[in-house]
C-alpha atoms as a PDB file:
ATOM      1  CA  UNK A   1      28.027  71.010  12.366  1.00  0.00           C
ATOM      2  CA  UNK A   2      24.429  71.436  11.228  1.00  0.00           C
ATOM      3  CA  UNK A   3      24.088  70.985   7.464  1.00  0.00           C
ATOM      4  CA  UNK A   4      20.841  71.580   5.587  1.00  0.00           C
ATOM      5  CA  UNK A   5      19.195  68.719   3.713  1.00  0.00           C
ATOM      6  CA  UNK A   6      19.146  69.157  -0.047  1.00  0.00           C
ATOM      7  CA  UNK A   7      15.752  69.858  -1.624  1.00  0.00           C
ATOM      8  CA  UNK A   8      16.713  69.122  -5.218  1.00  0.00           C
ATOM      9  CA  UNK A   9      15.316  65.627  -4.904  1.00  0.00           C
ATOM     10  CA  UNK A  10      11.989  64.687  -3.405  1.00  0.00           C
ATOM     11  CA  UNK A  11      12.162  63.319   0.104  1.00  0.00           C
ATOM     12  CA  UNK A  12      11.406  59.692   0.810  1.00  0.00           C
ATOM     13  CA  UNK A  13       8.791  58.475   3.228  1.00  0.00           C
ATOM     14  CA  UNK A  14      11.387  56.972   5.563  1.00  0.00           C
ATOM     15  CA  UNK A  15      13.008  60.346   6.109  1.00  0.00           C
ATOM     16  CA  UNK A  16       9.631  61.997   6.608  1.00  0.00           C
ATOM     17  CA  UNK A  17       8.737  59.427   9.276  1.00  0.00           C
ATOM     18  CA  UNK A  18      11.980  60.106  11.136  1.00  0.00           C
ATOM     19  CA  UNK A  19      12.180  63.808  10.400  1.00  0.00           C
ATOM     20  CA  UNK A  20      11.658  64.824  14.025  1.00  0.00           C
ATOM     21  CA  UNK A  21      14.564  64.483  16.438  1.00  0.00           C
ATOM     22  CA  UNK A  22      12.381  62.696  18.993  1.00  0.00           C
ATOM     23  CA  UNK A  23      11.548  59.932  16.515  1.00  0.00           C
ATOM     24  CA  UNK A  24      15.113  59.677  15.231  1.00  0.00           C
ATOM     25  CA  UNK A  25      16.392  59.406  18.811  1.00  0.00           C
ATOM     26  CA  UNK A  26      13.879  56.616  19.498  1.00  0.00           C
ATOM     27  CA  UNK A  27      15.170  54.779  16.424  1.00  0.00           C
ATOM     28  CA  UNK A  28      18.771  55.242  17.558  1.00  0.00           C
ATOM     29  CA  UNK A  29      17.950  53.919  21.041  1.00  0.00           C
ATOM     30  CA  UNK A  30      16.182  50.882  19.552  1.00  0.00           C
ATOM     31  CA  UNK A  31      19.086  50.031  17.230  1.00  0.00           C
ATOM     32  CA  UNK A  32      21.745  50.507  19.905  1.00  0.00           C
ATOM     33  CA  UNK A  33      19.792  49.445  22.996  1.00  0.00           C
ATOM     34  CA  UNK A  34      20.631  52.799  24.554  1.00  0.00           C
ATOM     35  CA  UNK A  35      18.512  55.137  26.669  1.00  0.00           C
ATOM     36  CA  UNK A  36      19.135  58.708  25.505  1.00  0.00           C
ATOM     37  CA  UNK A  37      16.218  60.927  26.515  1.00  0.00           C
ATOM     38  CA  UNK A  38      17.147  64.427  25.337  1.00  0.00           C
ATOM     39  CA  UNK A  39      16.570  64.955  21.576  1.00  0.00           C
ATOM     40  CA  UNK A  40      18.793  68.042  21.693  1.00  0.00           C
ATOM     41  CA  UNK A  41      21.790  65.743  22.207  1.00  0.00           C
ATOM     42  CA  UNK A  42      21.269  64.705  18.585  1.00  0.00           C
ATOM     43  CA  UNK A  43      22.696  66.930  15.826  1.00  0.00           C
ATOM     44  CA  UNK A  44      21.590  66.389  12.216  1.00  0.00           C
ATOM     45  CA  UNK A  45      24.557  66.471   9.830  1.00  0.00           C
ATOM     46  CA  UNK A  46      22.983  65.280   6.575  1.00  0.00           C
ATOM     47  CA  UNK A  47      25.075  66.547   3.680  1.00  0.00           C
ATOM     48  CA  UNK A  48      24.156  68.695   0.718  1.00  0.00           C
ATOM     49  CA  UNK A  49      25.304  68.164  -2.854  1.00  0.00           C
ATOM     50  CA  UNK A  50      25.650  64.388  -2.643  1.00  0.00           C
ATOM     51  CA  UNK A  51      23.309  63.960  -5.594  1.00  0.00           C
ATOM     52  CA  UNK A  52      25.921  62.148  -7.645  1.00  0.00           C
ATOM     53  CA  UNK A  53      25.626  59.342  -5.089  1.00  0.00           C
ATOM     54  CA  UNK A  54      21.812  59.325  -5.421  1.00  0.00           C
ATOM     55  CA  UNK A  55      21.596  59.182  -1.625  1.00  0.00           C
ATOM     56  CA  UNK A  56      18.171  60.766  -1.557  1.00  0.00           C
ATOM     57  CA  UNK A  57      16.776  59.508   1.688  1.00  0.00           C
ATOM     58  CA  UNK A  58      19.726  59.180   4.013  1.00  0.00           C
ATOM     59  CA  UNK A  59      19.829  60.521   7.549  1.00  0.00           C
ATOM     60  CA  UNK A  60      23.150  61.423   9.133  1.00  0.00           C
ATOM     61  CA  UNK A  61      23.526  62.649  12.696  1.00  0.00           C
ATOM     62  CA  UNK A  62      25.895  62.985  15.613  1.00  0.00           C
ATOM     63  CA  UNK A  63      25.063  61.839  19.113  1.00  0.00           C
ATOM     64  CA  UNK A  64      27.810  61.799  21.698  1.00  0.00           C
ATOM     65  CA  UNK A  65      30.970  60.723  19.882  1.00  0.00           C
ATOM     66  CA  UNK A  66      29.112  58.576  17.315  1.00  0.00           C
ATOM     67  CA  UNK A  67      28.625  59.682  13.705  1.00  0.00           C
ATOM     68  CA  UNK A  68      25.601  57.769  12.399  1.00  0.00           C
ATOM     69  CA  UNK A  69      24.588  57.213   8.798  1.00  0.00           C
ATOM     70  CA  UNK A  70      21.115  55.702   8.348  1.00  0.00           C
ATOM     71  CA  UNK A  71      20.041  54.718   4.854  1.00  0.00           C
ATOM     72  CA  UNK A  72      16.772  53.181   3.718  1.00  0.00           C
ATOM     73  CA  UNK A  73      16.722  50.783   0.738  1.00  0.00           C
ATOM     74  CA  UNK A  74      13.756  49.200  -1.001  1.00  0.00           C
ATOM     75  CA  UNK A  75      16.069  47.254  -3.335  1.00  0.00           C
ATOM     76  CA  UNK A  76      19.175  45.224  -2.570  1.00  0.00           C
ATOM     77  CA  UNK A  77      22.387  47.094  -3.293  1.00  0.00           C
ATOM     78  CA  UNK A  78      25.744  45.437  -2.525  1.00  0.00           C
ATOM     79  CA  UNK A  79      27.488  48.776  -3.132  1.00  0.00           C
ATOM     80  CA  UNK A  80      26.096  50.437  -0.003  1.00  0.00           C
ATOM     81  CA  UNK A  81      29.475  50.203   1.816  1.00  0.00           C
ATOM     82  CA  UNK A  82      31.184  52.074  -1.043  1.00  0.00           C
ATOM     83  CA  UNK A  83      28.507  54.754  -0.938  1.00  0.00           C
ATOM     84  CA  UNK A  84      28.896  54.974   2.810  1.00  0.00           C
ATOM     85  CA  UNK A  85      32.675  55.268   2.522  1.00  0.00           C
ATOM     86  CA  UNK A  86      32.360  58.245   0.172  1.00  0.00           C
ATOM     87  CA  UNK A  87      29.704  59.813   2.365  1.00  0.00           C
ATOM     88  CA  UNK A  88      31.769  59.461   5.540  1.00  0.00           C
ATOM     89  CA  UNK A  89      34.817  60.920   3.788  1.00  0.00           C
ATOM     90  CA  UNK A  90      32.833  64.009   2.826  1.00  0.00           C
ATOM     91  CA  UNK A  91      31.358  64.312   6.314  1.00  0.00           C
ATOM     92  CA  UNK A  92      34.746  64.055   8.011  1.00  0.00           C
ATOM     93  CA  UNK A  93      36.154  66.662   5.653  1.00  0.00           C
ATOM     94  CA  UNK A  94      33.447  69.106   6.712  1.00  0.00           C
ATOM     95  CA  UNK A  95      34.017  68.147  10.346  1.00  0.00           C
ATOM     96  CA  UNK A  96      37.735  68.983  10.091  1.00  0.00           C
ATOM     97  CA  UNK A  97      36.996  72.307   8.401  1.00  0.00           C
ATOM     98  CA  UNK A  98      34.376  73.269  10.986  1.00  0.00           C
ATOM     99  CA  UNK A  99      36.723  72.623  13.905  1.00  0.00           C
ATOM    100  CA  UNK A 100      39.772  74.009  12.045  1.00  0.00           C
ATOM    101  CA  UNK A 101      41.823  70.884  12.694  1.00  0.00           C
ATOM    102  CA  UNK A 102      45.230  70.725  10.992  1.00  0.00           C
ATOM    103  CA  UNK A 103      45.901  67.383   9.312  1.00  0.00           C
ATOM    104  CA  UNK A 104      49.642  68.101   9.162  1.00  0.00           C
ATOM    105  CA  UNK A 105      50.065  68.877  12.855  1.00  0.00           C
ATOM    106  CA  UNK A 106      51.698  66.600  15.435  1.00  0.00           C
ATOM    107  CA  UNK A 107      48.572  66.240  17.554  1.00  0.00           C
ATOM    108  CA  UNK A 108      46.185  63.356  16.931  1.00  0.00           C
ATOM    109  CA  UNK A 109      42.838  64.712  15.740  1.00  0.00           C
ATOM    110  CA  UNK A 110      39.813  63.315  17.613  1.00  0.00           C
ATOM    111  CA  UNK A 111      37.117  61.996  15.272  1.00  0.00           C
ATOM    112  CA  UNK A 112      33.606  60.739  15.989  1.00  0.00           C
ATOM    113  CA  UNK A 113      33.251  56.983  15.584  1.00  0.00           C
ATOM    114  CA  UNK A 114      31.269  56.051  12.415  1.00  0.00           C
ATOM    115  CA  UNK A 115      28.294  53.699  12.469  1.00  0.00           C
ATOM    116  CA  UNK A 116      26.377  52.772   9.313  1.00  0.00           C
ATOM    117  CA  UNK A 117      22.919  51.172   9.272  1.00  0.00           C
ATOM    118  CA  UNK A 118      20.912  50.243   6.182  1.00  0.00           C
ATOM    119  CA  UNK A 119      17.188  49.667   6.736  1.00  0.00           C
ATOM    120  CA  UNK A 120      15.957  47.261   4.057  1.00  0.00           C
ATOM    121  CA  UNK A 121      12.311  46.648   3.149  1.00  0.00           C
ATOM    122  CA  UNK A 122      12.563  45.298  -0.389  1.00  0.00           C
ATOM    123  CA  UNK A 123      10.751  42.312  -1.857  1.00  0.00           C
ATOM    124  CA  UNK A 124      13.701  39.900  -1.926  1.00  0.00           C
ATOM    125  CA  UNK A 125      13.890  37.549   1.037  1.00  0.00           C
ATOM    126  CA  UNK A 126      16.713  38.525   3.389  1.00  0.00           C
ATOM    127  CA  UNK A 127      17.725  37.568   6.952  1.00  0.00           C
ATOM    128  CA  UNK A 128      17.114  39.936   9.855  1.00  0.00           C
ATOM    129  CA  UNK A 129      20.702  41.176   9.873  1.00  0.00           C
ATOM    130  CA  UNK A 130      23.491  41.142   7.280  1.00  0.00           C
ATOM    131  CA  UNK A 131      26.928  42.747   7.353  1.00  0.00           C
ATOM    132  CA  UNK A 132      27.975  44.341   4.058  1.00  0.00           C
ATOM    133  CA  UNK A 133      31.683  45.110   3.601  1.00  0.00           C
ATOM    134  CA  UNK A 134      33.439  47.317   1.079  1.00  0.00           C
ATOM    135  CA  UNK A 135      36.338  44.840   1.015  1.00  0.00           C
ATOM    136  CA  UNK A 136      34.037  42.313  -0.674  1.00  0.00           C
ATOM    137  CA  UNK A 137      34.390  44.449  -3.809  1.00  0.00           C
ATOM    138  CA  UNK A 138      38.203  44.125  -3.836  1.00  0.00           C
ATOM    139  CA  UNK A 139      40.075  41.415  -5.777  1.00  0.00           C
ATOM    140  CA  UNK A 140      41.039  38.289  -3.805  1.00  0.00           C
ATOM    141  CA  UNK A 141      43.915  38.673  -1.339  1.00  0.00           C
ATOM    142  CA  UNK A 142      47.304  38.891  -3.018  1.00  0.00           C
ATOM    143  CA  UNK A 143      50.935  39.342  -2.019  1.00  0.00           C
ATOM    144  CA  UNK A 144      50.013  42.911  -1.047  1.00  0.00           C
ATOM    145  CA  UNK A 145      48.150  41.547   1.978  1.00  0.00           C
ATOM    146  CA  UNK A 146      44.931  42.860   3.467  1.00  0.00           C
ATOM    147  CA  UNK A 147      43.457  46.075   1.993  1.00  0.00           C
ATOM    148  CA  UNK A 148      44.055  49.220   4.025  1.00  0.00           C
ATOM    149  CA  UNK A 149      40.479  50.480   3.588  1.00  0.00           C
ATOM    150  CA  UNK A 150      37.210  49.127   4.904  1.00  0.00           C
ATOM    151  CA  UNK A 151      33.642  50.299   5.425  1.00  0.00           C
ATOM    152  CA  UNK A 152      31.004  48.114   7.046  1.00  0.00           C
ATOM    153  CA  UNK A 153      27.248  48.544   6.830  1.00  0.00           C
ATOM    154  CA  UNK A 154      24.788  46.584   8.931  1.00  0.00           C
ATOM    155  CA  UNK A 155      21.650  45.881   6.888  1.00  0.00           C
ATOM    156  CA  UNK A 156      18.537  45.349   9.006  1.00  0.00           C
ATOM    157  CA  UNK A 157      15.456  43.801   7.432  1.00  0.00           C
ATOM    158  CA  UNK A 158      12.438  45.900   8.476  1.00  0.00           C
ATOM    159  CA  UNK A 159       9.806  44.002   6.519  1.00  0.00           C
ATOM    160  CA  UNK A 160       6.828  42.709   8.487  1.00  0.00           C
ATOM    161  CA  UNK A 161       7.806  39.606  10.449  1.00  0.00           C
ATOM    162  CA  UNK A 162      11.492  40.534  10.753  1.00  0.00           C
ATOM    163  CA  UNK A 163      13.457  42.017  13.663  1.00  0.00           C
ATOM    164  CA  UNK A 164      10.438  41.920  15.947  1.00  0.00           C
ATOM    165  CA  UNK A 165      12.521  42.928  18.975  1.00  0.00           C
ATOM    166  CA  UNK A 166      13.731  46.063  17.198  1.00  0.00           C
ATOM    167  CA  UNK A 167      10.205  46.877  16.028  1.00  0.00           C
ATOM    168  CA  UNK A 168       8.815  46.573  19.548  1.00  0.00           C
ATOM    169  CA  UNK A 169      11.379  49.084  20.780  1.00  0.00           C
ATOM    170  CA  UNK A 170      10.590  51.696  18.106  1.00  0.00           C
ATOM    171  CA  UNK A 171       6.906  52.363  17.472  1.00  0.00           C
ATOM    172  CA  UNK A 172       7.452  54.535  14.387  1.00  0.00           C
ATOM    173  CA  UNK A 173       9.634  51.905  12.717  1.00  0.00           C
ATOM    174  CA  UNK A 174       7.028  49.217  13.336  1.00  0.00           C
ATOM    175  CA  UNK A 175       4.236  51.430  12.013  1.00  0.00           C
ATOM    176  CA  UNK A 176       6.299  52.307   8.939  1.00  0.00           C
ATOM    177  CA  UNK A 177       6.777  48.586   8.238  1.00  0.00           C
ATOM    178  CA  UNK A 178       3.047  47.910   8.653  1.00  0.00           C
ATOM    179  CA  UNK A 179       2.107  50.776   6.358  1.00  0.00           C
ATOM    180  CA  UNK A 180       4.443  49.637   3.561  1.00  0.00           C
ATOM    181  CA  UNK A 181       3.043  46.103   3.867  1.00  0.00           C
ATOM    182  CA  UNK A 182      -0.524  47.424   3.575  1.00  0.00           C
ATOM    183  CA  UNK A 183       0.352  49.389   0.432  1.00  0.00           C
ATOM    184  CA  UNK A 184       1.806  46.236  -1.131  1.00  0.00           C
ATOM    185  CA  UNK A 185      -1.264  44.235  -0.152  1.00  0.00           C
ATOM    186  CA  UNK A 186      -3.532  46.791  -1.849  1.00  0.00           C
ATOM    187  CA  UNK A 187      -1.378  46.732  -4.977  1.00  0.00           C
ATOM    188  CA  UNK A 188      -1.671  42.939  -5.127  1.00  0.00           C
ATOM    189  CA  UNK A 189      -5.441  43.463  -5.414  1.00  0.00           C
ATOM    190  CA  UNK A 190      -4.728  45.048  -8.837  1.00  0.00           C
ATOM    191  CA  UNK A 191      -5.938  48.468  -7.722  1.00  0.00           C
ATOM    192  CA  UNK A 192      -4.550  51.516  -9.560  1.00  0.00           C
ATOM    193  CA  UNK A 193      -1.579  52.855  -7.642  1.00  0.00           C
ATOM    194  CA  UNK A 194      -3.227  56.023  -6.307  1.00  0.00           C
ATOM    195  CA  UNK A 195      -6.274  54.027  -5.141  1.00  0.00           C
ATOM    196  CA  UNK A 196      -4.094  51.411  -3.463  1.00  0.00           C
ATOM    197  CA  UNK A 197      -2.032  54.052  -1.669  1.00  0.00           C
ATOM    198  CA  UNK A 198      -5.109  56.014  -0.611  1.00  0.00           C
ATOM    199  CA  UNK A 199      -6.847  52.869   0.680  1.00  0.00           C
ATOM    200  CA  UNK A 200      -3.759  51.916   2.707  1.00  0.00           C
ATOM    201  CA  UNK A 201      -3.545  55.444   4.128  1.00  0.00           C
ATOM    202  CA  UNK A 202      -7.218  55.442   5.150  1.00  0.00           C
ATOM    203  CA  UNK A 203      -6.903  52.044   6.813  1.00  0.00           C
ATOM    204  CA  UNK A 204      -3.764  53.056   8.710  1.00  0.00           C
ATOM    205  CA  UNK A 205      -5.281  56.319   9.909  1.00  0.00           C
ATOM    206  CA  UNK A 206      -8.288  54.384  11.233  1.00  0.00           C
ATOM    207  CA  UNK A 207      -5.940  52.003  13.074  1.00  0.00           C
ATOM    208  CA  UNK A 208      -3.730  54.832  14.398  1.00  0.00           C
ATOM    209  CA  UNK A 209      -0.725  53.725  12.323  1.00  0.00           C
ATOM    210  CA  UNK A 210       1.461  56.720  11.387  1.00  0.00           C
ATOM    211  CA  UNK A 211      -1.745  58.692  11.889  1.00  0.00           C
ATOM    212  CA  UNK A 212      -0.037  62.043  12.512  1.00  0.00           C
ATOM    213  CA  UNK A 213       2.094  61.853   9.366  1.00  0.00           C
ATOM    214  CA  UNK A 214      -0.534  60.336   7.070  1.00  0.00           C
ATOM    215  CA  UNK A 215      -3.135  62.876   8.152  1.00  0.00           C
ATOM    216  CA  UNK A 216      -0.891  65.928   7.786  1.00  0.00           C
ATOM    217  CA  UNK A 217       1.002  64.809   4.663  1.00  0.00           C
ATOM    218  CA  UNK A 218      -1.457  62.590   2.781  1.00  0.00           C
ATOM    219  CA  UNK A 219      -0.779  63.999  -0.704  1.00  0.00           C
ATOM    220  CA  UNK A 220       2.992  64.128  -0.126  1.00  0.00           C
ATOM    221  CA  UNK A 221       3.041  60.512   1.051  1.00  0.00           C
ATOM    222  CA  UNK A 222       1.217  59.328  -2.071  1.00  0.00           C
ATOM    223  CA  UNK A 223       3.653  61.334  -4.205  1.00  0.00           C
ATOM    224  CA  UNK A 224       6.651  59.834  -2.368  1.00  0.00           C
ATOM    225  CA  UNK A 225       5.292  56.321  -2.740  1.00  0.00           C
ATOM    226  CA  UNK A 226       4.606  56.880  -6.435  1.00  0.00           C
ATOM    227  CA  UNK A 227       8.177  58.130  -6.955  1.00  0.00           C
ATOM    228  CA  UNK A 228       9.656  55.068  -5.245  1.00  0.00           C
ATOM    229  CA  UNK A 229       7.276  52.746  -7.076  1.00  0.00           C
ATOM    230  CA  UNK A 230       8.296  54.281 -10.418  1.00  0.00           C
ATOM    231  CA  UNK A 231      11.973  53.840  -9.563  1.00  0.00           C
ATOM    232  CA  UNK A 232      11.476  50.156  -8.806  1.00  0.00           C
ATOM    233  CA  UNK A 233       9.645  49.754 -12.112  1.00  0.00           C
ATOM    234  CA  UNK A 234      12.505  51.555 -13.852  1.00  0.00           C
ATOM    235  CA  UNK A 235      15.071  49.242 -12.279  1.00  0.00           C
ATOM    236  CA  UNK A 236      13.046  46.213 -13.392  1.00  0.00           C
ATOM    237  CA  UNK A 237      13.004  47.697 -16.891  1.00  0.00           C
ATOM    238  CA  UNK A 238      16.776  48.142 -16.884  1.00  0.00           C
ATOM    239  CA  UNK A 239      17.218  44.541 -15.744  1.00  0.00           C
ATOM    240  CA  UNK A 240      14.969  43.338 -18.559  1.00  0.00           C
ATOM    241  CA  UNK A 241      16.908  45.461 -21.032  1.00  0.00           C
ATOM    242  CA  UNK A 242      20.156  43.944 -19.751  1.00  0.00           C
ATOM    243  CA  UNK A 243      18.812  40.438 -20.362  1.00  0.00           C
ATOM    244  CA  UNK A 244      17.769  41.409 -23.891  1.00  0.00           C
ATOM    245  CA  UNK A 245      21.191  42.899 -24.581  1.00  0.00           C
ATOM    246  CA  UNK A 246      22.854  39.677 -23.394  1.00  0.00           C
ATOM    247  CA  UNK A 247      20.613  37.610 -25.642  1.00  0.00           C
ATOM    248  CA  UNK A 248      21.436  39.850 -28.622  1.00  0.00           C
ATOM    249  CA  UNK A 249      25.159  39.436 -28.034  1.00  0.00           C
ATOM    250  CA  UNK A 250      24.841  35.636 -27.883  1.00  0.00           C
ATOM    251  CA  UNK A 251      22.849  35.671 -31.122  1.00  0.00           C
ATOM    252  CA  UNK A 252      25.598  37.790 -32.668  1.00  0.00           C
ATOM    253  CA  UNK A 253      28.180  35.198 -31.584  1.00  0.00           C
ATOM    254  CA  UNK A 254      26.137  32.387 -33.144  1.00  0.00           C
ATOM    255  CA  UNK A 255      25.980  34.270 -36.447  1.00  0.00           C
ATOM    256  CA  UNK A 256      29.749  34.868 -36.420  1.00  0.00           C
ATOM    257  CA  UNK A 257      30.490  31.209 -35.616  1.00  0.00           C
ATOM    258  CA  UNK A 258      28.333  30.104 -38.541  1.00  0.00           C
ATOM    259  CA  UNK A 259      29.976  32.629 -40.873  1.00  0.00           C
ATOM    260  CA  UNK A 260      33.410  31.354 -39.819  1.00  0.00           C
ATOM    261  CA  UNK A 261      32.540  27.673 -40.309  1.00  0.00           C
ATOM    262  CA  UNK A 262      32.524  26.890 -36.585  1.00  0.00           C
ATOM    263  CA  UNK A 263      28.949  25.677 -36.143  1.00  0.00           C
ATOM    264  CA  UNK A 264      30.121  22.853 -33.863  1.00  0.00           C
ATOM    265  CA  UNK A 265      30.958  25.427 -31.181  1.00  0.00           C
ATOM    266  CA  UNK A 266      27.458  26.951 -31.031  1.00  0.00           C
ATOM    267  CA  UNK A 267      26.184  24.786 -28.160  1.00  0.00           C
ATOM    268  CA  UNK A 268      29.229  25.632 -26.033  1.00  0.00           C
ATOM    269  CA  UNK A 269      28.815  29.328 -26.878  1.00  0.00           C
ATOM    270  CA  UNK A 270      25.218  29.219 -25.609  1.00  0.00           C
ATOM    271  CA  UNK A 271      25.891  27.287 -22.378  1.00  0.00           C
ATOM    272  CA  UNK A 272      29.327  28.460 -21.224  1.00  0.00           C
ATOM    273  CA  UNK A 273      29.759  32.025 -19.942  1.00  0.00           C
ATOM    274  CA  UNK A 274      33.579  31.725 -19.926  1.00  0.00           C
ATOM    275  CA  UNK A 275      33.553  30.533 -23.545  1.00  0.00           C
ATOM    276  CA  UNK A 276      31.270  33.444 -24.466  1.00  0.00           C
ATOM    277  CA  UNK A 277      33.744  35.881 -22.933  1.00  0.00           C
ATOM    278  CA  UNK A 278      36.636  34.344 -24.854  1.00  0.00           C
ATOM    279  CA  UNK A 279      34.639  34.646 -28.105  1.00  0.00           C
ATOM    280  CA  UNK A 280      33.759  38.270 -27.341  1.00  0.00           C
ATOM    281  CA  UNK A 281      37.488  39.014 -27.073  1.00  0.00           C
ATOM    282  CA  UNK A 282      38.321  36.943 -30.142  1.00  0.00           C
ATOM    283  CA  UNK A 283      35.748  38.705 -32.327  1.00  0.00           C
ATOM    284  CA  UNK A 284      36.389  42.100 -30.749  1.00  0.00           C
ATOM    285  CA  UNK A 285      32.830  42.530 -29.447  1.00  0.00           C
END
């Protein structure tokens, strides 16, 4: 079931760090407290053509009867379970085709058990472990009962100081966390991005932190970091634009209230979100 990784998007550092089966197996053992020793028991099944999901740095693999999806996130995203659900659906479809299973037969088709882990190292403070559920996106329970679909993702905080037990069991994960922290520390010194990244790389190489990867892929690592840094800046920009758009709409409401002789409602329009929504509908905004 080997599927080639798409090259239309630049790789992320996380996937580079765990690009070798030996390192990915060590990560799997650390997460699951297992003791697999043969990397050849692990089969990479990362999908192509999932660009519409923007899943650029995911790692998907089979080991035994477990289908694992590992995703790295540097920003919080409550929609990870939905993304995982779509990803698993595509993976299972390819699995059925590969093994020529017939969905309309009378025999129960054996499927690998899915497991979804999100490794988070963003700037927002988060606990060591959080369960994200797709069902949280559904409307409150109704007469229809519980939803028939679910997808759960376990989000593990891999920032420095979190999940120390997990870090101690996987050297590469711990070194990755240390390296990211050093890059952030250099950036806080107001160094230009390339200088900050290069200084962090030099320091880590000297301290034998990700030395093999940083030595062999120095330029690529800086490029990957710059790409991720730009994306975070872009997201911050979009958030700022969203705030500005909200302010513009409120100002538009104030103008319409004044024009319609309803100045007494301005304070409520500014302070009450529900009242704003009712005015948006009333004025057709």
